[in-house]
Amino acid sequence: MNEWTDWKAFPDPRKNDIFIAPFGPGVYDLQNKKTGEPILFGSGKNCAFRMSSLLPKPFGCGTRKNIKKREYVLEQLLNVVYRVLPCADVKTARKMEKQLREEKSYLFPT
């Protein structure tokens, strides 16, 4: 089993920052470094692409329907940190996502 990465600053697309995340299956976990509050989590078959949808357009891509989540990440960008867990397959990523849901109380639980 792989392990979580260290916490990293969420990349700022206005500065051409990049994600350090798997291009394959994985789980991500975001928190506010200032308050320690868990913000959100998720999984995807392409973790890096899925994470890029956490910002509103024109900065993010993908089809997130929760605009409040995307706007929060952009507004709090200087305080947002993330970690990722690469997974062998999507089934494992979803299992780990479910475990996070049970372990912590997130600002955006879905």
N, C-alpha and C. Protein backbone atom coordinates (compact mmCIF):
# COMPACT_ATOMS: atom_id res chain seq x y z
N MET A 1 0.85 -1.19 0.00
CA MET A 1 0.00 0.00 0.00
C MET A 1 0.89 1.24 0.00
N ASN A 2 0.55 2.19 -0.83
CA ASN A 2 1.27 3.46 -0.86
C ASN A 2 0.91 4.27 0.37
N GLU A 3 1.67 5.32 0.59
CA GLU A 3 1.40 6.20 1.73
C GLU A 3 1.06 7.60 1.24
N TRP A 4 0.40 8.36 2.13
CA TRP A 4 0.07 9.75 1.82
C TRP A 4 1.36 10.54 1.60
N THR A 5 1.30 11.49 0.68
CA THR A 5 2.41 12.42 0.50
C THR A 5 2.42 13.40 1.67
N ASP A 6 3.46 14.19 1.78
CA ASP A 6 3.48 15.29 2.73
C ASP A 6 2.47 16.34 2.25
N TRP A 7 2.05 17.21 3.16
CA TRP A 7 1.16 18.32 2.80
C TRP A 7 1.92 19.29 1.92
N LYS A 8 1.26 19.77 0.86
CA LYS A 8 1.87 20.72 -0.07
C LYS A 8 0.90 21.89 -0.27
N ALA A 9 1.46 23.05 -0.61
CA ALA A 9 0.62 24.22 -0.92
C ALA A 9 -0.18 23.93 -2.18
N PHE A 10 -1.46 24.30 -2.17
CA PHE A 10 -2.29 24.11 -3.35
C PHE A 10 -1.75 25.04 -4.44
N PRO A 11 -1.56 24.54 -5.65
CA PRO A 11 -0.96 25.37 -6.70
C PRO A 11 -1.86 26.53 -7.14
N ASP A 12 -1.23 27.63 -7.41
CA ASP A 12 -1.93 28.82 -7.90
C ASP A 12 -1.80 28.87 -9.42
N PRO A 13 -2.88 28.67 -10.15
CA PRO A 13 -2.80 28.66 -11.61
C PRO A 13 -2.40 30.02 -12.19
N ARG A 14 -2.63 31.08 -11.43
CA ARG A 14 -2.25 32.42 -11.91
C ARG A 14 -0.74 32.59 -11.93
N LYS A 15 -0.04 31.70 -11.23
CA LYS A 15 1.43 31.72 -11.18
C LYS A 15 2.03 30.54 -11.93
N ASN A 16 1.19 29.84 -12.68
CA ASN A 16 1.59 28.64 -13.42
C ASN A 16 2.14 27.54 -12.52
N ASP A 17 1.66 27.50 -11.27
CA ASP A 17 2.04 26.41 -10.36
C ASP A 17 1.41 25.12 -10.85
N ILE A 18 1.95 24.00 -10.41
CA ILE A 18 1.44 22.71 -10.86
C ILE A 18 1.13 21.80 -9.67
N PHE A 19 0.24 20.83 -9.91
CA PHE A 19 -0.05 19.79 -8.93
C PHE A 19 1.05 18.75 -8.95
N ILE A 20 1.33 18.21 -7.81
CA ILE A 20 2.15 17.01 -7.74
C ILE A 20 1.19 15.94 -7.25
N ALA A 21 0.63 15.22 -8.21
CA ALA A 21 -0.42 14.24 -7.92
C ALA A 21 -0.38 13.15 -8.99
N PRO A 22 -0.92 11.98 -8.66
CA PRO A 22 -0.92 10.89 -9.64
C PRO A 22 -1.76 11.21 -10.88
N PHE A 23 -1.28 10.77 -12.04
CA PHE A 23 -2.07 10.84 -13.26
C PHE A 23 -2.98 9.63 -13.35
N GLY A 24 -2.83 8.71 -12.40
CA GLY A 24 -3.68 7.53 -12.32
C GLY A 24 -4.58 7.63 -11.10
N PRO A 25 -5.11 6.51 -10.65
CA PRO A 25 -6.02 6.49 -9.51
C PRO A 25 -5.38 7.04 -8.23
N GLY A 26 -6.18 7.75 -7.46
CA GLY A 26 -5.68 8.28 -6.20
C GLY A 26 -6.75 9.02 -5.43
N VAL A 27 -6.37 9.42 -4.23
CA VAL A 27 -7.25 10.15 -3.32
C VAL A 27 -6.56 11.45 -2.95
N TYR A 28 -7.33 12.52 -2.79
CA TYR A 28 -6.78 13.79 -2.35
C TYR A 28 -7.52 14.25 -1.10
N ASP A 29 -6.83 15.06 -0.30
CA ASP A 29 -7.34 15.55 0.98
C ASP A 29 -6.87 16.99 1.11
N LEU A 30 -7.78 17.93 1.27
CA LEU A 30 -7.43 19.35 1.41
C LEU A 30 -7.78 19.84 2.80
N GLN A 31 -6.92 20.71 3.33
CA GLN A 31 -7.23 21.35 4.60
C GLN A 31 -6.74 22.79 4.60
N ASN A 32 -7.30 23.57 5.51
CA ASN A 32 -6.91 24.96 5.68
C ASN A 32 -5.73 24.95 6.64
N LYS A 33 -4.55 25.35 6.15
CA LYS A 33 -3.35 25.29 7.01
C LYS A 33 -3.40 26.30 8.14
N LYS A 34 -4.17 27.36 7.97
CA LYS A 34 -4.27 28.39 9.00
C LYS A 34 -5.12 27.91 10.18
N THR A 35 -6.23 27.23 9.87
CA THR A 35 -7.16 26.81 10.92
C THR A 35 -7.06 25.31 11.24
N GLY A 36 -6.45 24.55 10.33
CA GLY A 36 -6.39 23.10 10.50
C GLY A 36 -7.68 22.40 10.10
N GLU A 37 -8.69 23.16 9.64
CA GLU A 37 -9.98 22.59 9.29
C GLU A 37 -9.88 21.76 8.00
N PRO A 38 -10.40 20.52 8.04
CA PRO A 38 -10.49 19.73 6.81
C PRO A 38 -11.48 20.40 5.85
N ILE A 39 -11.08 20.60 4.60
CA ILE A 39 -11.92 21.30 3.63
C ILE A 39 -12.73 20.32 2.79
N LEU A 40 -12.04 19.46 2.08
CA LEU A 40 -12.71 18.51 1.21
C LEU A 40 -11.77 17.38 0.84
N PHE A 41 -12.33 16.36 0.23
CA PHE A 41 -11.56 15.18 -0.16
C PHE A 41 -12.22 14.59 -1.39
N GLY A 42 -11.54 13.67 -2.02
CA GLY A 42 -12.14 13.00 -3.16
C GLY A 42 -11.19 12.00 -3.76
N SER A 43 -11.66 11.33 -4.79
CA SER A 43 -10.83 10.36 -5.49
C SER A 43 -11.13 10.48 -6.98
N GLY A 44 -10.28 9.87 -7.76
CA GLY A 44 -10.49 9.88 -9.20
C GLY A 44 -9.61 8.88 -9.90
N LYS A 45 -10.02 8.53 -11.11
CA LYS A 45 -9.20 7.62 -11.90
C LYS A 45 -7.96 8.34 -12.43
N ASN A 46 -8.03 9.66 -12.52
CA ASN A 46 -6.88 10.51 -12.81
C ASN A 46 -6.90 11.60 -11.73
N CYS A 47 -6.20 11.36 -10.66
CA CYS A 47 -6.26 12.22 -9.47
C CYS A 47 -5.87 13.66 -9.80
N ALA A 48 -4.80 13.85 -10.57
CA ALA A 48 -4.35 15.21 -10.90
C ALA A 48 -5.43 15.98 -11.66
N PHE A 49 -6.06 15.34 -12.64
CA PHE A 49 -7.12 16.01 -13.40
C PHE A 49 -8.31 16.33 -12.51
N ARG A 50 -8.69 15.38 -11.67
CA ARG A 50 -9.83 15.59 -10.78
C ARG A 50 -9.57 16.78 -9.85
N MET A 51 -8.35 16.90 -9.34
CA MET A 51 -8.01 18.01 -8.45
C MET A 51 -8.05 19.34 -9.19
N SER A 52 -7.72 19.33 -10.47
CA SER A 52 -7.73 20.59 -11.22
C SER A 52 -9.15 21.14 -11.36
N SER A 53 -10.16 20.31 -11.11
CA SER A 53 -11.53 20.79 -11.17
C SER A 53 -11.98 21.45 -9.87
N LEU A 54 -11.07 21.58 -8.91
CA LEU A 54 -11.42 22.20 -7.63
C LEU A 54 -11.35 23.72 -7.67
N LEU A 55 -11.00 24.27 -8.82
CA LEU A 55 -10.97 25.73 -9.00
C LEU A 55 -12.02 26.14 -10.02
N PRO A 56 -12.60 27.32 -9.86
CA PRO A 56 -13.60 27.78 -10.84
C PRO A 56 -12.93 28.13 -12.17
N LYS A 57 -13.73 28.11 -13.23
CA LYS A 57 -13.22 28.52 -14.54
C LYS A 57 -12.91 30.01 -14.48
N PRO A 58 -11.91 30.50 -15.10
CA PRO A 58 -11.10 29.86 -16.11
C PRO A 58 -9.88 29.12 -15.54
N PHE A 59 -9.75 29.04 -14.24
CA PHE A 59 -8.56 28.44 -13.63
C PHE A 59 -8.62 26.92 -13.54
N GLY A 60 -9.82 26.39 -13.34
CA GLY A 60 -9.99 24.95 -13.21
C GLY A 60 -10.64 24.36 -14.44
N CYS A 61 -10.63 23.05 -14.49
CA CYS A 61 -11.29 22.36 -15.60
C CYS A 61 -12.22 21.31 -15.01
N GLY A 62 -12.86 20.55 -15.85
CA GLY A 62 -13.76 19.53 -15.35
C GLY A 62 -15.17 20.07 -15.19
N THR A 63 -16.02 19.26 -14.57
CA THR A 63 -17.44 19.59 -14.52
C THR A 63 -18.00 19.55 -13.10
N ARG A 64 -17.35 20.17 -12.17
CA ARG A 64 -17.88 20.24 -10.80
C ARG A 64 -19.16 21.05 -10.80
N LYS A 65 -20.14 20.59 -10.05
CA LYS A 65 -21.40 21.31 -9.96
C LYS A 65 -21.47 22.22 -8.73
N ASN A 66 -20.56 22.02 -7.77
CA ASN A 66 -20.59 22.79 -6.54
C ASN A 66 -19.70 24.03 -6.66
N ILE A 67 -20.27 25.12 -7.13
CA ILE A 67 -19.50 26.34 -7.34
C ILE A 67 -18.98 26.91 -6.03
N LYS A 68 -19.71 26.74 -4.91
CA LYS A 68 -19.25 27.24 -3.62
C LYS A 68 -17.94 26.58 -3.22
N LYS A 69 -17.81 25.30 -3.49
CA LYS A 69 -16.58 24.57 -3.19
C LYS A 69 -15.42 25.15 -4.01
N ARG A 70 -15.65 25.36 -5.29
CA ARG A 70 -14.60 25.88 -6.18
C ARG A 70 -14.20 27.31 -5.79
N GLU A 71 -15.19 28.13 -5.47
CA GLU A 71 -14.90 29.52 -5.09
C GLU A 71 -14.16 29.57 -3.75
N TYR A 72 -14.52 28.70 -2.81
CA TYR A 72 -13.84 28.66 -1.52
C TYR A 72 -12.36 28.34 -1.73
N VAL A 73 -12.06 27.35 -2.55
CA VAL A 73 -10.66 26.98 -2.77
C VAL A 73 -9.89 28.16 -3.37
N LEU A 74 -10.48 28.85 -4.33
CA LEU A 74 -9.80 30.00 -4.93
C LEU A 74 -9.62 31.13 -3.93
N GLU A 75 -10.67 31.45 -3.17
CA GLU A 75 -10.60 32.54 -2.19
C GLU A 75 -9.58 32.24 -1.07
N GLN A 76 -9.46 31.00 -0.69
CA GLN A 76 -8.57 30.61 0.40
C GLN A 76 -7.26 30.00 -0.10
N LEU A 77 -6.93 30.21 -1.36
CA LEU A 77 -5.81 29.54 -1.99
C LEU A 77 -4.51 29.61 -1.19
N LEU A 78 -4.24 30.75 -0.58
CA LEU A 78 -2.99 30.88 0.18
C LEU A 78 -2.98 30.02 1.44
N ASN A 79 -4.15 29.59 1.88
CA ASN A 79 -4.25 28.78 3.10
C ASN A 79 -4.55 27.30 2.82
N VAL A 80 -4.75 26.95 1.58
CA VAL A 80 -5.12 25.57 1.25
C VAL A 80 -3.87 24.72 1.01
N VAL A 81 -3.82 23.59 1.70
CA VAL A 81 -2.78 22.60 1.48
C VAL A 81 -3.45 21.28 1.11
N TYR A 82 -2.71 20.43 0.43
CA TYR A 82 -3.27 19.15 0.02
C TYR A 82 -2.24 18.04 0.18
N ARG A 83 -2.76 16.83 0.24
CA ARG A 83 -1.93 15.64 0.20
C ARG A 83 -2.65 14.64 -0.69
N VAL A 84 -1.90 13.71 -1.25
CA VAL A 84 -2.50 12.71 -2.12
C VAL A 84 -2.01 11.32 -1.73
N LEU A 85 -2.83 10.37 -2.08
CA LEU A 85 -2.51 8.96 -1.85
C LEU A 85 -2.68 8.23 -3.18
N PRO A 86 -1.57 7.89 -3.86
CA PRO A 86 -1.69 7.12 -5.09
C PRO A 86 -2.27 5.73 -4.78
N CYS A 87 -3.11 5.23 -5.66
CA CYS A 87 -3.74 3.92 -5.46
C CYS A 87 -3.51 3.04 -6.68
N ALA A 88 -3.56 1.75 -6.45
CA ALA A 88 -3.34 0.79 -7.53
C ALA A 88 -4.48 0.77 -8.54
N ASP A 89 -5.69 1.07 -8.06
CA ASP A 89 -6.85 1.05 -8.95
C ASP A 89 -7.95 1.93 -8.36
N VAL A 90 -8.99 2.16 -9.16
CA VAL A 90 -10.09 3.04 -8.76
C VAL A 90 -10.84 2.46 -7.56
N LYS A 91 -11.00 1.15 -7.52
CA LYS A 91 -11.69 0.51 -6.40
C LYS A 91 -11.00 0.82 -5.08
N THR A 92 -9.69 0.75 -5.05
CA THR A 92 -8.93 1.07 -3.84
C THR A 92 -9.07 2.54 -3.50
N ALA A 93 -9.03 3.41 -4.50
CA ALA A 93 -9.18 4.85 -4.27
C ALA A 93 -10.54 5.16 -3.64
N ARG A 94 -11.59 4.55 -4.14
CA ARG A 94 -12.93 4.78 -3.59
C ARG A 94 -13.03 4.26 -2.16
N LYS A 95 -12.38 3.14 -1.88
CA LYS A 95 -12.37 2.59 -0.52
C LYS A 95 -11.68 3.56 0.44
N MET A 96 -10.57 4.14 0.01
CA MET A 96 -9.84 5.10 0.85
C MET A 96 -10.64 6.39 1.01
N GLU A 97 -11.36 6.80 -0.03
CA GLU A 97 -12.22 7.98 0.05
C GLU A 97 -13.31 7.76 1.10
N LYS A 98 -13.90 6.59 1.09
CA LYS A 98 -14.93 6.26 2.07
C LYS A 98 -14.38 6.30 3.49
N GLN A 99 -13.15 5.83 3.64
CA GLN A 99 -12.51 5.84 4.95
C GLN A 99 -12.31 7.27 5.45
N LEU A 100 -11.90 8.18 4.57
CA LEU A 100 -11.74 9.58 4.95
C LEU A 100 -13.06 10.17 5.41
N ARG A 101 -14.12 9.85 4.69
CA ARG A 101 -15.46 10.36 5.02
C ARG A 101 -15.85 9.96 6.45
N GLU A 102 -15.45 8.77 6.85
CA GLU A 102 -15.79 8.27 8.18
C GLU A 102 -14.88 8.81 9.27
N GLU A 103 -13.65 9.20 8.92
CA GLU A 103 -12.65 9.63 9.90
C GLU A 103 -12.76 11.10 10.28
N LYS A 104 -13.14 11.96 9.33
CA LYS A 104 -13.10 13.40 9.56
C LYS A 104 -14.41 14.06 9.20
N SER A 105 -14.60 15.26 9.73
CA SER A 105 -15.75 16.09 9.38
C SER A 105 -15.22 17.22 8.49
N TYR A 106 -15.66 17.23 7.26
CA TYR A 106 -15.16 18.19 6.25
C TYR A 106 -16.13 19.35 6.06
N LEU A 107 -15.58 20.51 5.71
CA LEU A 107 -16.38 21.68 5.36
C LEU A 107 -17.31 21.35 4.19
N PHE A 108 -16.76 20.66 3.19
CA PHE A 108 -17.52 20.19 2.03
C PHE A 108 -17.43 18.67 2.02
N PRO A 109 -18.43 17.98 2.60
CA PRO A 109 -18.32 16.54 2.77
C PRO A 109 -18.57 15.70 1.52
N THR A 110 -18.98 16.31 0.41
CA THR A 110 -19.19 15.54 -0.81
C THR A 110 -18.51 16.18 -1.98
